[in-house]
Amino acid sequence: MSKKSITIFYSDIFLDHNTGLNHPECADRLTACVTALKKSDISDFIDWKLPRSATTQDLEMIHTKSYIDSIKSKCEAGGGYLDTDTYVSSKSYKVALKSAGAWLDGIDEIMDGNSTFVLSRPPGHHAEPNRAMGFCLFSNAALAATYSIKRKNIKKIAIFDWDVHHGNGTQNIIESNPNIAYVSIHQFPFYPGTGNEFEQGKYNNVLNIPMNAGDGSDEYRKKFNDMIFPFLQKFDPQLLIISAGFDAHYLDPLASINLKAKDFAYFTKRCLKIQPNLLFGLEGGYNLEALSKCVIYVTKQLV
């Protein structure tokens, strides 16, 4: 089979979100991924693109104006902690706009027929309409899905969140929209404490799959084949977004799930059966070696 190119949205601006000394969500995460991709045997098939910045009007599709203004003001005042985990610096607001914009560019790109990986930070799936949480400022995946519905005339779009933590923000924003489905497989009970199997959305458009600490490839693949794939296939989305956190890898310091890079490649290969062009956006993943290896394995499935 001939290889096709994959678009990756990335900017060095993402490195300017300074989270402070020894914070796990650091600029080195992106540097490791970019370096690994440029050295890989698929480097010739990667089309690197610079992303746009989201506007406040874009963000107001899912976030309150007062919340957006509060993030901007906090950063203009020099930054600080928004909660016990989430730190912003003076440049973080502009970086977060660029990160959100990259996911919007990703929607445009997959509608043009190109699989896409957004390598951006800060991540987004914990951010709620009026609150920052868990390293996240703006809810990138929910924004991209809402954008596709409201501005691109897409009728049905699904989000598959395989980050080891439940995407409470994504679910909170989309669960009352019948045109958007959300699937999350995550360690439970675990941060942020949401995501039990009884949370199913207003239109049965949410599927939560709690996993036990110590679960690995066999347990995850069985849940994928028995529950996730049929759910997504039945919903039949026109577009599929992957909230691609890699902190379920066995080397990750923040969780206790035992996946390997080949498992994320397997999920990707199966998702391609649902939609031939996928939008991946980086969420978690805090062991640099494991993170970059996982990104390589996933990207290889797309070229």
Protein backbone atom coordinates (compact mmCIF):
# COMPACT_ATOMS: atom_id res chain seq x y z
CA MET A 1 0.00 0.00 0.00
CA SER A 2 1.37 3.41 -0.93
CA LYS A 3 2.05 5.89 1.82
CA LYS A 4 0.19 9.17 2.13
CA SER A 5 1.26 12.29 3.97
CA ILE A 6 -0.04 13.34 7.36
CA THR A 7 -0.42 16.94 8.46
CA ILE A 8 1.03 17.93 11.82
CA PHE A 9 0.12 21.29 13.31
CA TYR A 10 2.90 22.57 15.55
CA SER A 11 4.53 25.87 16.52
CA ASP A 12 7.47 26.71 18.76
CA ILE A 13 5.06 29.17 20.41
CA PHE A 14 3.66 26.17 22.32
CA LEU A 15 6.94 26.03 24.24
CA ASP A 16 6.24 29.48 25.72
CA HIS A 17 3.57 28.17 28.10
CA ASN A 18 5.80 28.09 31.17
CA THR A 19 4.37 25.88 33.91
CA GLY A 20 7.24 26.27 36.35
CA LEU A 21 10.01 24.03 37.66
CA ASN A 22 9.39 20.27 37.61
CA HIS A 23 5.80 20.53 36.37
CA PRO A 24 4.88 17.36 34.44
CA GLU A 25 3.06 19.31 31.69
CA CYS A 26 6.20 20.95 30.33
CA ALA A 27 7.60 22.14 27.02
CA ASP A 28 9.93 19.14 26.84
CA ARG A 29 6.90 16.99 26.02
CA LEU A 30 6.54 18.64 22.62
CA THR A 31 10.27 18.92 21.99
CA ALA A 32 10.60 15.16 22.49
CA CYS A 33 7.76 14.40 20.07
CA VAL A 34 8.95 16.78 17.35
CA THR A 35 12.55 15.54 17.57
CA ALA A 36 11.43 11.90 17.35
CA LEU A 37 9.18 12.55 14.35
CA LYS A 38 11.87 14.44 12.44
CA LYS A 39 14.33 11.59 13.01
CA SER A 40 11.82 8.85 12.13
CA ASP A 41 11.59 6.84 8.92
CA ILE A 42 8.28 8.56 8.10
CA SER A 43 9.66 12.10 8.31
CA ASP A 44 9.36 12.53 4.52
CA PHE A 45 5.61 11.91 4.76
CA ILE A 46 4.92 14.60 7.35
CA ASP A 47 3.55 17.97 6.25
CA TRP A 48 4.35 20.41 9.06
CA LYS A 49 1.97 23.38 9.28
CA LEU A 50 1.78 26.41 11.54
CA PRO A 51 -1.60 26.82 13.26
CA ARG A 52 -3.81 29.85 13.58
CA SER A 53 -4.94 31.36 16.86
CA ALA A 54 -8.50 30.85 18.01
CA THR A 55 -10.48 34.04 18.54
CA THR A 56 -12.46 34.91 21.63
CA GLN A 57 -15.57 34.45 19.47
CA ASP A 58 -14.43 30.89 18.76
CA LEU A 59 -13.93 30.19 22.45
CA GLU A 60 -17.31 31.66 23.35
CA MET A 61 -18.94 28.76 21.50
CA ILE A 62 -18.13 26.65 24.59
CA HIS A 63 -16.67 28.92 27.32
CA THR A 64 -18.17 31.86 29.17
CA LYS A 65 -16.83 35.29 28.30
CA SER A 66 -16.06 36.01 31.93
CA TYR A 67 -13.92 32.88 32.16
CA ILE A 68 -11.98 33.72 28.99
CA ASP A 69 -11.39 37.25 30.28
CA SER A 70 -10.21 35.91 33.64
CA ILE A 71 -7.53 33.74 31.99
CA LYS A 72 -6.36 36.68 29.90
CA SER A 73 -6.21 38.97 32.95
CA LYS A 74 -4.35 36.40 35.05
CA CYS A 75 -1.69 36.00 32.37
CA GLU A 76 -1.37 39.75 31.75
CA ALA A 77 -0.76 40.15 35.49
CA GLY A 78 2.17 37.74 35.27
CA GLY A 79 0.44 34.41 35.83
CA GLY A 80 0.12 32.06 38.77
CA TYR A 81 -1.89 29.03 39.83
CA LEU A 82 -5.49 28.67 38.63
CA ASP A 83 -5.92 25.59 40.80
CA THR A 84 -3.50 23.29 42.62
CA ASP A 85 -2.36 21.69 39.34
CA THR A 86 -2.80 24.34 36.69
CA TYR A 87 -0.21 27.09 36.34
CA VAL A 88 -0.08 29.91 33.80
CA SER A 89 2.68 32.33 32.87
CA SER A 90 2.53 35.72 31.17
CA LYS A 91 2.39 34.13 27.68
CA SER A 92 0.02 31.27 28.47
CA TYR A 93 -3.16 32.96 27.25
CA LYS A 94 -1.71 33.60 23.77
CA VAL A 95 -0.31 30.07 23.68
CA ALA A 96 -3.68 28.60 24.67
CA LEU A 97 -5.38 30.55 21.86
CA LYS A 98 -2.84 29.08 19.44
CA SER A 99 -3.40 25.58 20.84
CA ALA A 100 -7.18 25.86 20.44
CA GLY A 101 -6.73 27.29 16.95
CA ALA A 102 -4.58 24.31 15.97
CA TRP A 103 -7.47 21.96 16.74
CA LEU A 104 -9.77 24.11 14.57
CA ASP A 105 -7.21 23.91 11.78
CA GLY A 106 -7.24 20.16 12.33
CA ILE A 107 -10.97 20.03 11.57
CA ASP A 108 -10.44 21.98 8.35
CA GLU A 109 -7.61 19.65 7.39
CA ILE A 110 -9.46 16.36 7.87
CA MET A 111 -12.42 17.80 5.95
CA ASP A 112 -9.95 18.29 3.10
CA GLY A 113 -9.10 14.58 3.28
CA ASN A 114 -5.91 14.57 5.35
CA SER A 115 -5.32 12.77 8.62
CA THR A 116 -3.94 15.23 11.14
CA PHE A 117 -2.06 15.31 14.43
CA VAL A 118 -2.15 18.46 16.55
CA LEU A 119 0.98 18.63 18.70
CA SER A 120 0.04 21.49 20.99
CA ARG A 121 -0.14 22.50 24.62
CA PRO A 122 -1.73 23.32 26.97
CA PRO A 123 -4.03 20.30 26.69
CA GLY A 124 -7.78 20.71 27.05
CA HIS A 125 -10.05 17.86 28.08
CA HIS A 126 -10.38 18.84 31.77
CA ALA A 127 -11.29 22.50 31.07
CA GLU A 128 -14.94 23.20 31.82
CA PRO A 129 -17.04 26.11 30.45
CA ASN A 130 -16.03 28.38 33.34
CA ARG A 131 -13.10 26.63 35.03
CA ALA A 132 -9.52 25.56 34.36
CA MET A 133 -8.55 22.13 35.67
CA GLY A 134 -5.87 19.49 35.40
CA PHE A 135 -3.30 21.46 33.34
CA CYS A 136 -6.06 22.52 30.89
CA LEU A 137 -7.21 26.05 29.99
CA PHE A 138 -9.56 25.72 26.99
CA SER A 139 -11.45 22.58 26.00
CA ASN A 140 -9.81 21.93 22.64
CA ALA A 141 -11.60 18.74 21.59
CA ALA A 142 -15.05 20.04 22.56
CA LEU A 143 -14.29 23.29 20.74
CA ALA A 144 -13.24 21.45 17.58
CA ALA A 145 -16.37 19.31 17.65
CA THR A 146 -18.65 22.30 18.25
CA TYR A 147 -16.88 24.24 15.48
CA SER A 148 -17.49 21.41 13.02
CA ILE A 149 -21.21 21.38 13.85
CA LYS A 150 -21.81 25.13 13.96
CA ARG A 151 -19.51 26.37 11.21
CA LYS A 152 -18.76 23.42 8.93
CA ASN A 153 -22.24 21.93 8.60
CA ILE A 154 -21.17 18.56 9.95
CA LYS A 155 -24.19 16.65 11.25
CA LYS A 156 -22.47 14.10 13.50
CA ILE A 157 -19.02 14.05 15.05
CA ALA A 158 -17.52 11.78 17.69
CA ILE A 159 -14.69 12.22 20.19
CA PHE A 160 -12.75 9.20 21.45
CA ASP A 161 -10.72 10.09 24.54
CA TRP A 162 -8.11 7.47 25.43
CA ASP A 163 -6.22 9.65 27.92
CA VAL A 164 -5.84 7.81 31.23
CA HIS A 165 -7.93 10.50 32.95
CA HIS A 166 -11.60 11.09 32.24
CA GLY A 167 -12.24 14.19 30.13
CA ASN A 168 -14.75 15.83 32.44
CA GLY A 169 -14.61 19.13 30.57
CA THR A 170 -15.24 17.59 27.16
CA GLN A 171 -18.16 15.57 28.46
CA ASN A 172 -19.63 18.51 30.36
CA ILE A 173 -19.67 20.63 27.20
CA ILE A 174 -20.96 18.12 24.66
CA GLU A 175 -23.26 15.77 26.61
CA SER A 176 -26.40 17.79 25.85
CA ASN A 177 -25.68 17.96 22.10
CA PRO A 178 -27.22 15.01 20.21
CA ASN A 179 -24.90 15.64 17.25
CA ILE A 180 -21.74 14.92 19.25
CA ALA A 181 -20.78 11.59 20.83
CA TYR A 182 -18.11 11.19 23.49
CA VAL A 183 -16.30 7.99 24.44
CA SER A 184 -13.77 7.84 27.27
CA ILE A 185 -11.77 4.87 28.56
CA HIS A 186 -9.88 5.79 31.71
CA GLN A 187 -8.52 4.67 35.06
CA PHE A 188 -11.22 4.84 37.73
CA PRO A 189 -11.56 5.90 40.48
CA PHE A 190 -8.93 8.48 39.67
CA TYR A 191 -8.57 12.18 38.92
CA PRO A 192 -10.88 14.02 38.31
CA GLY A 193 -13.37 11.62 39.92
CA THR A 194 -15.89 11.69 37.07
CA GLY A 195 -16.59 9.18 34.31
CA ASN A 196 -18.53 6.31 35.85
CA GLU A 197 -20.48 4.07 33.49
CA PHE A 198 -23.82 5.62 34.53
CA GLU A 199 -22.91 8.98 32.95
CA GLN A 200 -24.43 8.47 29.50
CA GLY A 201 -25.35 11.94 28.28
CA LYS A 202 -28.73 13.47 27.62
CA TYR A 203 -29.15 11.50 24.38
CA ASN A 204 -27.19 8.34 25.28
CA ASN A 205 -24.37 9.99 23.38
CA VAL A 206 -21.75 9.38 26.09
CA LEU A 207 -19.95 6.10 26.75
CA ASN A 208 -17.69 5.93 29.78
CA ILE A 209 -15.54 2.87 30.38
CA PRO A 210 -13.87 2.88 33.80
CA MET A 211 -10.73 0.71 34.05
CA ASN A 212 -8.93 -0.66 37.07
CA ALA A 213 -5.40 0.25 38.07
CA GLY A 214 -3.09 -2.40 36.66
CA ASP A 215 -5.20 -3.13 33.57
CA GLY A 216 -3.25 -3.51 30.36
CA SER A 217 -3.45 -4.52 26.71
CA ASP A 218 -5.83 -7.46 27.04
CA GLU A 219 -8.40 -5.60 29.12
CA TYR A 220 -8.24 -2.47 26.96
CA ARG A 221 -8.47 -4.29 23.62
CA LYS A 222 -11.45 -6.32 24.82
CA LYS A 223 -13.29 -3.15 25.90
CA PHE A 224 -12.40 -1.51 22.60
CA ASN A 225 -13.73 -4.38 20.51
CA ASP A 226 -16.77 -5.17 22.64
CA MET A 227 -17.92 -1.63 23.51
CA ILE A 228 -16.05 1.30 21.94
CA PHE A 229 -15.94 0.18 18.32
CA PRO A 230 -19.64 -0.85 18.21
CA PHE A 231 -20.69 2.40 19.91
CA LEU A 232 -18.78 4.55 17.42
CA GLN A 233 -19.90 2.44 14.47
CA LYS A 234 -23.54 2.77 15.49
CA PHE A 235 -23.25 6.54 15.96
CA ASP A 236 -21.70 6.68 12.45
CA PRO A 237 -19.84 10.01 12.74
CA GLN A 238 -18.81 12.02 9.71
CA LEU A 239 -15.65 13.05 11.58
CA LEU A 240 -13.74 11.41 14.42
CA ILE A 241 -11.54 13.26 16.90
CA ILE A 242 -9.08 11.40 19.12
CA SER A 243 -8.20 13.05 22.42
CA ALA A 244 -4.81 11.41 22.37
CA GLY A 245 -3.35 11.26 25.83
CA PHE A 246 -0.58 8.70 26.28
CA ASP A 247 -0.49 8.59 30.07
CA ALA A 248 -2.02 5.09 30.04
CA HIS A 249 1.45 3.85 29.00
CA TYR A 250 3.05 1.62 31.62
CA LEU A 251 6.00 4.02 32.05
CA ASP A 252 3.88 7.08 32.79
CA PRO A 253 4.50 8.52 36.27
CA LEU A 254 0.98 9.91 36.83
CA ALA A 255 -1.14 6.76 36.41
CA SER A 256 -1.26 3.00 36.86
CA ILE A 257 -2.41 1.55 33.53
CA ASN A 258 -0.07 -0.79 31.64
CA LEU A 259 -0.48 -0.09 27.93
CA LYS A 260 2.34 -0.12 25.39
CA ALA A 261 2.91 1.99 22.29
CA LYS A 262 1.62 -0.83 20.07
CA ASP A 263 -1.76 -0.64 21.81
CA PHE A 264 -2.28 2.96 20.69
CA ALA A 265 -1.30 1.90 17.18
CA TYR A 266 -3.95 -0.83 17.38
CA PHE A 267 -6.64 1.64 18.48
CA THR A 268 -5.64 3.92 15.61
CA LYS A 269 -5.82 1.16 13.03
CA ARG A 270 -9.30 0.20 14.24
CA CYS A 271 -10.50 3.82 14.28
CA LEU A 272 -9.44 4.14 10.65
CA LYS A 273 -12.13 1.55 9.88
CA ILE A 274 -14.71 4.05 11.17
CA GLN A 275 -13.29 7.13 9.45
CA PRO A 276 -10.42 7.18 6.94
CA ASN A 277 -9.22 10.61 8.11
CA LEU A 278 -8.73 11.20 11.82
CA LEU A 279 -7.92 14.24 13.92
CA PHE A 280 -5.55 13.49 16.78
CA GLY A 281 -4.87 16.12 19.41
CA LEU A 282 -2.35 15.70 22.20
CA GLU A 283 -3.69 15.54 25.74
CA GLY A 284 -1.60 13.87 28.50
CA GLY A 285 1.54 11.75 28.53
CA TYR A 286 4.37 12.61 30.90
CA ASN A 287 7.19 10.12 30.35
CA LEU A 288 9.10 11.70 27.47
CA GLU A 289 10.43 8.44 26.03
CA ALA A 290 7.05 6.72 26.15
CA LEU A 291 5.21 9.77 24.85
CA SER A 292 7.40 10.25 21.78
CA LYS A 293 7.34 6.51 21.02
CA CYS A 294 3.54 6.42 21.20
CA VAL A 295 3.25 9.43 18.88
CA ILE A 296 5.53 7.67 16.37
CA TYR A 297 3.52 4.45 16.52
CA VAL A 298 0.23 6.28 15.97
CA THR A 299 1.57 8.46 13.18
CA LYS A 300 2.94 5.43 11.32
CA GLN A 301 -0.60 4.06 11.11
CA LEU A 302 -1.71 7.22 9.33
CA VAL A 303 0.85 7.32 6.50
